[in-house]
Structures are given as structure tokens and as C-alpha cells.
């Protein structure tokens, strides 16, 4: 099932900061976006539900220390993924 990706304003800011520091991360993010739209729960993404302040949201790994935080939402009658933020493990948690 293909899902639509929606980007919050916070995600856009975090992605810009990340790409400014690490321009090479752009291709990694694009590959992660493609994987998320195909199947957000494929093993390679290590998708897991979050607890605590972020309870109800999900996280996945783009590479070793790069995480994306997102929610599964409805958008125009279809399932979508709302991206909240991106960054290192310490930045997003």
C-alpha cells in the first residue's frame, strides 16, 4: 500500500538544518522516503512506536544515527505519513 508523505513545518526546518550540515544525507533521506511510502514497517527501517512525550508517534531509522519521527494519519480519504522531525538519535528524542 502506497502512502502519501506530508511534511510538517518543523520537519522542513529540521531537514534544512540537517542537509546544511550533511549534504550527503539528501540521497539517504530520498531512499528512506521511498521506503516509507512503500511500506513503513519493512525491517530495514526498524520502525517502532514511541513512548513518553512522543507516545502515539512512530520512529524509523534512515541510517545508523539518523531518525525520522512520524504519525500515521488520514489525508483526503487515504492513509498518509505526517513527518514531524529528522535528526540524530539525541536530537529527536
Protein backbone atom coordinates (compact mmCIF):
# COMPACT_ATOMS: atom_id res chain seq x y z
CA UNK A 1 0.00 0.00 0.00
CA UNK A 2 1.46 3.33 -1.05
CA UNK A 3 1.07 6.18 1.41
CA UNK A 4 1.39 9.93 0.82
CA UNK A 5 4.16 11.78 2.69
CA UNK A 6 3.21 15.04 4.39
CA UNK A 7 5.87 17.32 5.88
CA UNK A 8 5.25 19.49 8.93
CA UNK A 9 6.91 22.90 9.14
CA UNK A 10 9.14 21.55 11.93
CA UNK A 11 10.24 18.69 9.67
CA UNK A 12 11.14 21.08 6.86
CA UNK A 13 13.26 23.21 9.25
CA UNK A 14 14.98 20.14 10.71
CA UNK A 15 15.68 18.71 7.24
CA UNK A 16 17.18 22.01 6.06
CA UNK A 17 19.48 22.12 9.12
CA UNK A 18 20.49 18.51 8.56
CA UNK A 19 21.23 18.99 4.86
CA UNK A 20 23.20 22.17 5.54
CA UNK A 21 25.49 20.24 7.93
CA UNK A 22 25.49 16.98 5.95
CA UNK A 23 24.66 17.49 2.25
CA UNK A 24 25.35 13.80 1.58
CA UNK A 25 22.28 12.90 3.69
CA UNK A 26 19.97 14.00 0.87
CA UNK A 27 20.20 10.72 -1.01
CA UNK A 28 19.69 8.78 2.22
CA UNK A 29 16.54 10.77 3.00
CA UNK A 30 15.16 10.23 -0.50
CA UNK A 31 15.69 6.48 -0.22
CA UNK A 32 14.04 6.47 3.20
CA UNK A 33 11.06 8.43 1.87
CA UNK A 34 10.63 5.89 -0.93
CA UNK A 35 10.80 3.01 1.54
CA UNK A 36 8.30 4.69 3.88
CA UNK A 37 5.75 5.24 1.12
CA UNK A 38 6.01 1.60 0.02
CA UNK A 39 5.90 0.00 3.48
CA UNK A 40 6.59 1.97 6.66
CA UNK A 41 7.08 -1.26 8.60
CA UNK A 42 9.70 -3.02 6.49
CA UNK A 43 12.51 -4.46 8.60
CA UNK A 44 15.23 -2.24 7.12
CA UNK A 45 13.57 0.88 8.57
CA UNK A 46 13.41 -0.52 12.12
CA UNK A 47 10.10 1.27 12.64
CA UNK A 48 8.93 1.36 16.24
CA UNK A 49 6.23 3.02 18.31
CA UNK A 50 7.37 5.70 20.72
CA UNK A 51 6.61 6.16 24.42
CA UNK A 52 6.73 9.08 26.84
CA UNK A 53 6.37 12.60 25.43
CA UNK A 54 6.20 11.21 21.89
CA UNK A 55 3.66 8.47 22.68
CA UNK A 56 1.45 7.72 19.70
CA UNK A 57 4.13 8.64 17.17
CA UNK A 58 6.47 6.33 15.31
CA UNK A 59 10.20 6.46 14.56
CA UNK A 60 12.29 4.83 11.85
CA UNK A 61 16.00 4.70 11.08
CA UNK A 62 17.33 6.18 7.86
CA UNK A 63 20.92 5.18 8.65
CA UNK A 64 22.82 4.28 11.80
CA UNK A 65 22.20 7.53 13.74
CA UNK A 66 19.57 9.30 11.63
CA UNK A 67 15.94 9.04 12.75
CA UNK A 68 12.62 10.25 11.37
CA UNK A 69 9.64 10.81 13.68
CA UNK A 70 6.19 10.49 12.10
CA UNK A 71 2.49 9.78 12.62
CA UNK A 72 0.13 7.71 10.52
CA UNK A 73 -2.80 9.96 9.56
CA UNK A 74 -5.74 10.25 7.16
CA UNK A 75 -5.36 12.75 4.32
CA UNK A 76 -8.05 13.27 1.70
CA UNK A 77 -9.55 9.86 2.41
CA UNK A 78 -6.27 7.96 2.16
CA UNK A 79 -3.61 6.87 4.62
CA UNK A 80 -0.68 9.24 4.88
CA UNK A 81 2.53 9.68 6.84
CA UNK A 82 2.99 13.03 8.58
CA UNK A 83 6.72 13.64 9.08
CA UNK A 84 7.44 15.58 12.29
CA UNK A 85 11.23 15.81 12.52
CA UNK A 86 14.52 14.32 11.39
CA UNK A 87 17.89 14.23 13.06
CA UNK A 88 20.29 12.19 15.11
CA UNK A 89 19.03 9.98 17.92
CA UNK A 90 19.87 12.62 20.52
CA UNK A 91 18.31 15.47 18.52
CA UNK A 92 14.89 13.87 18.01
CA UNK A 93 14.33 12.12 21.35
